[in-house]
Amino acid sequence: MDRYSTHLGILKQLFETMDIETVFEFGTGFYSTGLFCENCNFVVACEMQSEEWYSKVKDRFEEKENLSLQCMIGPNKSIEYLSSLNRNFDLIFVDGHGDSRWHAINEASRFTKLIVSHDTETPSYQWHKINLDSSWTRKDYKDLDPWTTVWVKK
């Protein structure tokens, strides 16, 4: 299995068991962005690390009418953009800039009841800075490397 797709099984299970129509995605990818476009009415996907990668993703998905693709290079621009939208999403997926994944999760908790993140085995992403209250439950999926983690608000 491709290391860039280890989260797909978890996401597919969530789509089968939950009503997910809107997604905000921190970090874009052929696998995740494609899955979201196939299963949702509205997807906001923000590339945070590479203008070159943004161009590749744009070329692949440019005909998707349900996709708002953004190029916001840097650790915080996409987080600020999410806040400025001031709307709820059924799912927020965090797989973007390594310096701010923890911050993206903290901010996402204001706009969703379901957060999924990829690469949660990587200590340098500073997961210890996640600050979710006790209404959130966390489930780590470690069967595949990299790991995937799901947070759900009760």
N, C-alpha and C. Protein backbone atom coordinates (compact mmCIF):
# COMPACT_ATOMS: atom_id res chain seq x y z
N MET A 1 0.84 -1.19 0.00
CA MET A 1 0.00 0.00 0.00
C MET A 1 0.88 1.24 0.00
N ASP A 2 0.48 2.21 -0.76
CA ASP A 2 1.17 3.49 -0.84
C ASP A 2 1.08 4.22 0.51
N ARG A 3 2.20 4.73 1.00
CA ARG A 3 2.22 5.46 2.29
C ARG A 3 1.29 6.66 2.29
N TYR A 4 0.99 7.18 1.11
CA TYR A 4 0.13 8.36 1.02
C TYR A 4 -1.35 8.01 1.04
N SER A 5 -1.67 6.72 1.14
CA SER A 5 -3.08 6.32 1.10
C SER A 5 -3.53 5.52 2.31
N THR A 6 -2.73 5.46 3.35
CA THR A 6 -3.08 4.61 4.49
C THR A 6 -4.31 5.10 5.25
N HIS A 7 -4.72 6.30 5.03
CA HIS A 7 -5.91 6.86 5.68
C HIS A 7 -7.20 6.55 4.93
N LEU A 8 -7.11 6.07 3.70
CA LEU A 8 -8.30 5.89 2.87
C LEU A 8 -9.31 4.91 3.46
N GLY A 9 -8.86 3.80 4.01
CA GLY A 9 -9.78 2.83 4.60
C GLY A 9 -10.62 3.44 5.71
N ILE A 10 -9.98 4.21 6.57
CA ILE A 10 -10.69 4.87 7.67
C ILE A 10 -11.71 5.86 7.11
N LEU A 11 -11.29 6.67 6.16
CA LEU A 11 -12.21 7.66 5.58
C LEU A 11 -13.39 6.98 4.90
N LYS A 12 -13.15 5.91 4.18
CA LYS A 12 -14.25 5.20 3.51
C LYS A 12 -15.23 4.64 4.53
N GLN A 13 -14.73 4.11 5.64
CA GLN A 13 -15.61 3.63 6.71
C GLN A 13 -16.46 4.76 7.27
N LEU A 14 -15.86 5.92 7.45
CA LEU A 14 -16.62 7.06 7.96
C LEU A 14 -17.72 7.47 6.99
N PHE A 15 -17.43 7.45 5.68
CA PHE A 15 -18.44 7.79 4.69
C PHE A 15 -19.58 6.77 4.69
N GLU A 16 -19.27 5.51 4.99
CA GLU A 16 -20.30 4.47 5.02
C GLU A 16 -21.20 4.57 6.24
N THR A 17 -20.68 5.11 7.33
CA THR A 17 -21.42 5.10 8.59
C THR A 17 -21.94 6.47 9.03
N MET A 18 -21.49 7.53 8.40
CA MET A 18 -21.88 8.88 8.81
C MET A 18 -22.35 9.68 7.60
N ASP A 19 -23.13 10.69 7.88
CA ASP A 19 -23.61 11.59 6.83
C ASP A 19 -22.61 12.72 6.67
N ILE A 20 -21.73 12.59 5.69
CA ILE A 20 -20.68 13.58 5.46
C ILE A 20 -20.89 14.19 4.09
N GLU A 21 -21.32 15.44 4.07
CA GLU A 21 -21.59 16.15 2.81
C GLU A 21 -20.61 17.29 2.55
N THR A 22 -20.00 17.81 3.63
CA THR A 22 -19.08 18.94 3.49
C THR A 22 -17.76 18.62 4.19
N VAL A 23 -16.66 18.97 3.52
CA VAL A 23 -15.33 18.68 4.05
C VAL A 23 -14.44 19.90 3.87
N PHE A 24 -13.63 20.17 4.88
CA PHE A 24 -12.52 21.11 4.78
C PHE A 24 -11.26 20.28 4.91
N GLU A 25 -10.33 20.44 3.96
CA GLU A 25 -9.12 19.63 3.93
C GLU A 25 -7.88 20.52 4.05
N PHE A 26 -7.09 20.28 5.10
CA PHE A 26 -5.79 20.92 5.25
C PHE A 26 -4.76 20.03 4.57
N GLY A 27 -4.19 20.48 3.48
CA GLY A 27 -3.28 19.67 2.70
C GLY A 27 -4.07 18.92 1.63
N THR A 28 -3.58 18.93 0.41
CA THR A 28 -4.30 18.27 -0.68
C THR A 28 -3.58 17.00 -1.09
N GLY A 29 -4.32 16.10 -1.70
CA GLY A 29 -3.71 14.87 -2.18
C GLY A 29 -4.57 14.20 -3.22
N PHE A 30 -3.96 13.48 -4.11
CA PHE A 30 -4.72 12.77 -5.13
C PHE A 30 -5.72 11.82 -4.49
N TYR A 31 -5.32 11.14 -3.41
CA TYR A 31 -6.20 10.17 -2.78
C TYR A 31 -7.32 10.85 -2.00
N SER A 32 -6.95 11.68 -1.05
CA SER A 32 -7.98 12.27 -0.17
C SER A 32 -8.87 13.26 -0.90
N THR A 33 -8.29 14.18 -1.65
CA THR A 33 -9.10 15.16 -2.35
C THR A 33 -10.04 14.46 -3.33
N GLY A 34 -9.55 13.46 -4.01
CA GLY A 34 -10.40 12.70 -4.92
C GLY A 34 -11.55 12.01 -4.21
N LEU A 35 -11.25 11.37 -3.08
CA LEU A 35 -12.29 10.69 -2.30
C LEU A 35 -13.35 11.68 -1.83
N PHE A 36 -12.91 12.84 -1.36
CA PHE A 36 -13.87 13.83 -0.89
C PHE A 36 -14.75 14.34 -2.03
N CYS A 37 -14.15 14.60 -3.17
CA CYS A 37 -14.93 15.07 -4.33
C CYS A 37 -15.95 14.03 -4.78
N GLU A 38 -15.60 12.75 -4.68
CA GLU A 38 -16.51 11.68 -5.09
C GLU A 38 -17.68 11.51 -4.13
N ASN A 39 -17.50 11.88 -2.86
CA ASN A 39 -18.49 11.55 -1.84
C ASN A 39 -19.20 12.74 -1.21
N CYS A 40 -18.82 13.96 -1.54
CA CYS A 40 -19.36 15.12 -0.85
C CYS A 40 -19.98 16.12 -1.82
N ASN A 41 -20.84 16.96 -1.28
CA ASN A 41 -21.44 18.04 -2.07
C ASN A 41 -20.54 19.25 -2.15
N PHE A 42 -19.70 19.46 -1.12
CA PHE A 42 -18.86 20.67 -1.06
C PHE A 42 -17.56 20.35 -0.35
N VAL A 43 -16.44 20.64 -1.03
CA VAL A 43 -15.11 20.38 -0.50
C VAL A 43 -14.27 21.64 -0.63
N VAL A 44 -13.66 22.05 0.48
CA VAL A 44 -12.64 23.10 0.45
C VAL A 44 -11.32 22.39 0.74
N ALA A 45 -10.39 22.47 -0.20
CA ALA A 45 -9.09 21.82 -0.05
C ALA A 45 -8.00 22.87 -0.17
N CYS A 46 -7.16 22.97 0.85
CA CYS A 46 -6.12 24.00 0.90
C CYS A 46 -4.74 23.36 0.86
N GLU A 47 -4.00 23.64 -0.19
CA GLU A 47 -2.61 23.19 -0.26
C GLU A 47 -1.76 24.17 0.55
N MET A 48 -0.91 23.62 1.44
CA MET A 48 -0.17 24.43 2.39
C MET A 48 1.34 24.39 2.20
N GLN A 49 1.85 23.47 1.36
CA GLN A 49 3.29 23.26 1.34
C GLN A 49 3.99 23.53 0.01
N SER A 50 3.27 23.41 -1.12
CA SER A 50 3.98 23.49 -2.39
C SER A 50 3.08 24.01 -3.51
N GLU A 51 3.53 25.08 -4.15
CA GLU A 51 2.79 25.59 -5.30
C GLU A 51 2.83 24.60 -6.46
N GLU A 52 3.94 23.88 -6.59
CA GLU A 52 4.05 22.86 -7.64
C GLU A 52 3.02 21.75 -7.41
N TRP A 53 2.89 21.30 -6.17
CA TRP A 53 1.91 20.26 -5.86
C TRP A 53 0.49 20.79 -6.08
N TYR A 54 0.24 22.02 -5.68
CA TYR A 54 -1.06 22.65 -5.91
C TYR A 54 -1.42 22.58 -7.40
N SER A 55 -0.47 22.90 -8.27
CA SER A 55 -0.72 22.86 -9.72
C SER A 55 -1.08 21.45 -10.19
N LYS A 56 -0.41 20.44 -9.66
CA LYS A 56 -0.71 19.06 -10.03
C LYS A 56 -2.12 18.66 -9.58
N VAL A 57 -2.47 19.04 -8.37
CA VAL A 57 -3.80 18.72 -7.85
C VAL A 57 -4.86 19.48 -8.65
N LYS A 58 -4.58 20.73 -8.96
CA LYS A 58 -5.51 21.53 -9.74
C LYS A 58 -5.74 20.91 -11.12
N ASP A 59 -4.68 20.47 -11.76
CA ASP A 59 -4.80 19.83 -13.07
C ASP A 59 -5.66 18.57 -13.00
N ARG A 60 -5.50 17.80 -11.94
CA ARG A 60 -6.24 16.55 -11.80
C ARG A 60 -7.72 16.78 -11.51
N PHE A 61 -8.04 17.82 -10.73
CA PHE A 61 -9.41 17.98 -10.25
C PHE A 61 -10.10 19.25 -10.75
N GLU A 62 -9.55 19.92 -11.73
CA GLU A 62 -10.08 21.22 -12.14
C GLU A 62 -11.52 21.17 -12.62
N GLU A 63 -12.01 20.04 -13.05
CA GLU A 63 -13.39 19.95 -13.53
C GLU A 63 -14.39 19.64 -12.43
N LYS A 64 -13.94 19.46 -11.22
CA LYS A 64 -14.84 19.14 -10.11
C LYS A 64 -15.55 20.41 -9.64
N GLU A 65 -16.85 20.46 -9.86
CA GLU A 65 -17.63 21.65 -9.51
C GLU A 65 -17.85 21.79 -8.01
N ASN A 66 -17.72 20.69 -7.28
CA ASN A 66 -17.95 20.73 -5.84
C ASN A 66 -16.69 21.03 -5.05
N LEU A 67 -15.59 21.36 -5.74
CA LEU A 67 -14.29 21.60 -5.09
C LEU A 67 -13.89 23.06 -5.17
N SER A 68 -13.57 23.62 -4.00
CA SER A 68 -12.94 24.93 -3.91
C SER A 68 -11.50 24.68 -3.51
N LEU A 69 -10.60 24.74 -4.48
CA LEU A 69 -9.19 24.44 -4.25
C LEU A 69 -8.42 25.74 -4.01
N GLN A 70 -7.68 25.78 -2.91
CA GLN A 70 -6.97 26.99 -2.51
C GLN A 70 -5.48 26.70 -2.39
N CYS A 71 -4.65 27.68 -2.77
CA CYS A 71 -3.21 27.60 -2.57
C CYS A 71 -2.85 28.61 -1.49
N MET A 72 -2.53 28.09 -0.30
CA MET A 72 -2.23 28.94 0.85
C MET A 72 -0.97 28.42 1.51
N ILE A 73 0.16 28.74 0.91
CA ILE A 73 1.43 28.20 1.35
C ILE A 73 1.82 28.81 2.70
N GLY A 74 2.22 27.92 3.60
CA GLY A 74 2.63 28.33 4.93
C GLY A 74 1.81 27.61 5.98
N PRO A 75 2.27 27.67 7.22
CA PRO A 75 1.62 26.89 8.28
C PRO A 75 0.27 27.42 8.76
N ASN A 76 -0.02 28.70 8.57
CA ASN A 76 -1.20 29.27 9.22
C ASN A 76 -2.27 29.86 8.30
N LYS A 77 -1.96 30.12 7.05
CA LYS A 77 -2.93 30.77 6.17
C LYS A 77 -4.23 29.98 6.04
N SER A 78 -4.13 28.67 5.90
CA SER A 78 -5.34 27.84 5.77
C SER A 78 -6.15 27.82 7.06
N ILE A 79 -5.47 27.86 8.18
CA ILE A 79 -6.16 27.88 9.47
C ILE A 79 -6.94 29.19 9.61
N GLU A 80 -6.30 30.28 9.24
CA GLU A 80 -6.98 31.58 9.26
C GLU A 80 -8.15 31.60 8.28
N TYR A 81 -7.97 30.95 7.13
CA TYR A 81 -9.04 30.89 6.13
C TYR A 81 -10.24 30.12 6.67
N LEU A 82 -10.00 28.98 7.31
CA LEU A 82 -11.10 28.22 7.92
C LEU A 82 -11.87 29.11 8.88
N SER A 83 -11.17 29.81 9.74
CA SER A 83 -11.83 30.69 10.72
C SER A 83 -12.63 31.78 10.03
N SER A 84 -12.11 32.33 8.95
CA SER A 84 -12.80 33.42 8.25
C SER A 84 -14.08 32.95 7.57
N LEU A 85 -14.13 31.67 7.20
CA LEU A 85 -15.35 31.14 6.59
C LEU A 85 -16.50 31.10 7.58
N ASN A 86 -16.15 30.87 8.85
CA ASN A 86 -17.12 30.88 9.94
C ASN A 86 -18.34 30.00 9.62
N ARG A 87 -18.06 28.76 9.20
CA ARG A 87 -19.13 27.82 8.90
C ARG A 87 -18.71 26.43 9.36
N ASN A 88 -19.68 25.60 9.60
CA ASN A 88 -19.42 24.24 10.04
C ASN A 88 -19.22 23.31 8.85
N PHE A 89 -18.42 22.28 9.07
CA PHE A 89 -18.18 21.23 8.10
C PHE A 89 -18.47 19.89 8.77
N ASP A 90 -18.92 18.93 7.98
CA ASP A 90 -19.19 17.60 8.54
C ASP A 90 -17.90 16.88 8.92
N LEU A 91 -16.82 17.18 8.20
CA LEU A 91 -15.52 16.56 8.46
C LEU A 91 -14.43 17.57 8.15
N ILE A 92 -13.43 17.62 9.01
CA ILE A 92 -12.22 18.38 8.71
C ILE A 92 -11.06 17.40 8.75
N PHE A 93 -10.33 17.37 7.63
CA PHE A 93 -9.21 16.45 7.45
C PHE A 93 -7.90 17.23 7.55
N VAL A 94 -7.01 16.78 8.42
CA VAL A 94 -5.76 17.49 8.68
C VAL A 94 -4.59 16.65 8.20
N ASP A 95 -3.98 17.10 7.10
CA ASP A 95 -2.84 16.41 6.51
C ASP A 95 -1.96 17.44 5.79
N GLY A 96 -1.86 18.62 6.40
CA GLY A 96 -1.17 19.73 5.76
C GLY A 96 0.20 20.01 6.35
N HIS A 97 0.49 21.25 6.55
CA HIS A 97 1.81 21.71 6.98
C HIS A 97 2.20 21.09 8.31
N GLY A 98 3.38 20.52 8.36
CA GLY A 98 3.84 19.82 9.56
C GLY A 98 4.00 20.69 10.79
N ASP A 99 4.23 21.98 10.61
CA ASP A 99 4.42 22.88 11.75
C ASP A 99 3.11 23.28 12.42
N SER A 100 1.98 23.00 11.78
CA SER A 100 0.72 23.53 12.35
C SER A 100 -0.42 22.52 12.39
N ARG A 101 -0.13 21.25 12.24
CA ARG A 101 -1.23 20.28 12.28
C ARG A 101 -1.97 20.32 13.61
N TRP A 102 -1.23 20.41 14.69
CA TRP A 102 -1.86 20.49 16.01
C TRP A 102 -2.75 21.73 16.09
N HIS A 103 -2.29 22.84 15.56
CA HIS A 103 -3.06 24.09 15.58
C HIS A 103 -4.30 23.96 14.70
N ALA A 104 -4.16 23.31 13.56
CA ALA A 104 -5.31 23.09 12.68
C ALA A 104 -6.38 22.27 13.39
N ILE A 105 -5.97 21.26 14.15
CA ILE A 105 -6.93 20.44 14.89
C ILE A 105 -7.63 21.27 15.96
N ASN A 106 -6.87 22.05 16.71
CA ASN A 106 -7.49 22.89 17.74
C ASN A 106 -8.51 23.84 17.13
N GLU A 107 -8.18 24.46 16.01
CA GLU A 107 -9.10 25.40 15.36
C GLU A 107 -10.27 24.66 14.72
N ALA A 108 -10.01 23.51 14.13
CA ALA A 108 -11.07 22.72 13.49
C ALA A 108 -12.16 22.34 14.48
N SER A 109 -11.80 22.15 15.72
CA SER A 109 -12.78 21.74 16.73
C SER A 109 -13.90 22.76 16.92
N ARG A 110 -13.69 23.97 16.45
CA ARG A 110 -14.73 25.00 16.52
C ARG A 110 -15.74 24.89 15.39
N PHE A 111 -15.40 24.11 14.33
CA PHE A 111 -16.21 24.11 13.12
C PHE A 111 -16.66 22.72 12.66
N THR A 112 -16.47 21.70 13.50
CA THR A 112 -16.89 20.35 13.14
C THR A 112 -17.03 19.50 14.39
N LYS A 113 -17.62 18.32 14.19
CA LYS A 113 -17.69 17.32 15.25
C LYS A 113 -16.89 16.08 14.87
N LEU A 114 -16.17 16.17 13.73
CA LEU A 114 -15.39 15.03 13.25
C LEU A 114 -14.10 15.53 12.61
N ILE A 115 -12.97 15.12 13.19
CA ILE A 115 -11.65 15.50 12.69
C ILE A 115 -10.86 14.22 12.43
N VAL A 116 -10.22 14.16 11.28
CA VAL A 116 -9.34 13.04 10.95
C VAL A 116 -7.98 13.63 10.60
N SER A 117 -6.92 12.99 11.10
CA SER A 117 -5.57 13.44 10.75
C SER A 117 -4.71 12.25 10.36
N HIS A 118 -3.78 12.51 9.46
CA HIS A 118 -2.87 11.49 8.95
C HIS A 118 -1.48 11.74 9.53
N ASP A 119 -0.67 10.71 9.57
CA ASP A 119 0.72 10.79 10.05
C ASP A 119 0.82 11.08 11.55
N THR A 120 -0.10 10.56 12.33
CA THR A 120 -0.12 10.91 13.75
C THR A 120 0.93 10.16 14.58
N GLU A 121 1.77 9.38 13.93
CA GLU A 121 2.89 8.74 14.64
C GLU A 121 4.13 9.63 14.65
N THR A 122 4.07 10.76 13.96
CA THR A 122 5.24 11.62 13.77
C THR A 122 5.34 12.65 14.91
N PRO A 123 6.23 12.45 15.88
CA PRO A 123 6.32 13.34 17.04
C PRO A 123 6.63 14.80 16.69
N SER A 124 7.37 15.02 15.62
CA SER A 124 7.76 16.40 15.28
C SER A 124 6.56 17.28 14.93
N TYR A 125 5.39 16.68 14.71
CA TYR A 125 4.19 17.48 14.42
C TYR A 125 3.57 18.06 15.70
N GLN A 126 4.17 17.77 16.83
CA GLN A 126 3.80 18.40 18.11
C GLN A 126 2.35 18.10 18.53
N TRP A 127 1.95 16.85 18.40
CA TRP A 127 0.58 16.45 18.74
C TRP A 127 0.24 16.77 20.21
N HIS A 128 1.25 16.86 21.05
CA HIS A 128 1.02 17.15 22.47
C HIS A 128 0.39 18.53 22.69
N LYS A 129 0.40 19.37 21.66
CA LYS A 129 -0.20 20.71 21.77
C LYS A 129 -1.69 20.71 21.43
N ILE A 130 -2.23 19.57 21.05
CA ILE A 130 -3.68 19.50 20.80
C ILE A 130 -4.38 19.72 22.13
N ASN A 131 -5.38 20.59 22.09
CA ASN A 131 -6.09 20.95 23.31
C ASN A 131 -7.60 20.85 23.08
N LEU A 132 -8.12 19.62 23.10
CA LEU A 132 -9.55 19.40 22.93
C LEU A 132 -10.15 19.05 24.28
N ASP A 133 -11.34 19.55 24.54
CA ASP A 133 -11.95 19.28 25.85
C ASP A 133 -12.49 17.85 25.92
N SER A 134 -13.05 17.50 27.06
CA SER A 134 -13.46 16.12 27.33
C SER A 134 -14.66 15.66 26.50
N SER A 135 -15.27 16.55 25.75
CA SER A 135 -16.38 16.14 24.88
C SER A 135 -15.88 15.43 23.62
N TRP A 136 -14.57 15.41 23.41
CA TRP A 136 -13.97 14.77 22.24
C TRP A 136 -13.40 13.41 22.63
N THR A 137 -13.61 12.41 21.77
CA THR A 137 -12.96 11.11 21.95
C THR A 137 -11.97 10.91 20.80
N ARG A 138 -10.92 10.20 21.11
CA ARG A 138 -9.83 9.99 20.14
C ARG A 138 -9.64 8.50 19.90
N LYS A 139 -9.49 8.14 18.63
CA LYS A 139 -9.19 6.75 18.26
C LYS A 139 -8.02 6.77 17.30
N ASP A 140 -6.94 6.09 17.67
CA ASP A 140 -5.75 5.97 16.82
C ASP A 140 -5.80 4.65 16.06
N TYR A 141 -5.55 4.72 14.75
CA TYR A 141 -5.48 3.54 13.90
C TYR A 141 -4.02 3.33 13.52
N LYS A 142 -3.42 2.28 14.12
CA LYS A 142 -1.98 2.05 14.00
C LYS A 142 -1.64 0.82 13.17
N ASP A 143 -2.64 0.20 12.56
CA ASP A 143 -2.39 -1.01 11.77
C ASP A 143 -1.52 -0.73 10.56
N LEU A 144 -1.66 0.47 9.99
CA LEU A 144 -0.88 0.85 8.81
C LEU A 144 0.02 2.02 9.17
N ASP A 145 1.14 2.08 8.52
CA ASP A 145 2.10 3.16 8.77
C ASP A 145 2.19 4.00 7.50
N PRO A 146 1.90 5.29 7.57
CA PRO A 146 1.63 6.11 8.73
C PRO A 146 0.23 5.90 9.33
N TRP A 147 0.14 6.28 10.60
CA TRP A 147 -1.10 6.15 11.35
C TRP A 147 -2.13 7.18 10.92
N THR A 148 -3.37 6.89 11.30
CA THR A 148 -4.48 7.82 11.13
C THR A 148 -5.20 7.93 12.46
N THR A 149 -5.63 9.13 12.81
CA THR A 149 -6.36 9.35 14.05
C THR A 149 -7.66 10.06 13.76
N VAL A 150 -8.70 9.63 14.49
CA VAL A 150 -10.04 10.22 14.36
C VAL A 150 -10.44 10.79 15.72
N TRP A 151 -10.91 12.01 15.71
CA TRP A 151 -11.51 12.64 16.89
C TRP A 151 -12.98 12.88 16.59
N VAL A 152 -13.85 12.50 17.53
CA VAL A 152 -15.28 12.70 17.39
C VAL A 152 -15.80 13.41 18.63
N LYS A 153 -16.62 14.42 18.39
CA LYS A 153 -17.23 15.15 19.50
C LYS A 153 -18.52 14.44 19.89
N LYS A 154 -18.65 14.16 21.17
CA LYS A 154 -19.84 13.45 21.68
C LYS A 154 -21.07 14.32 21.55
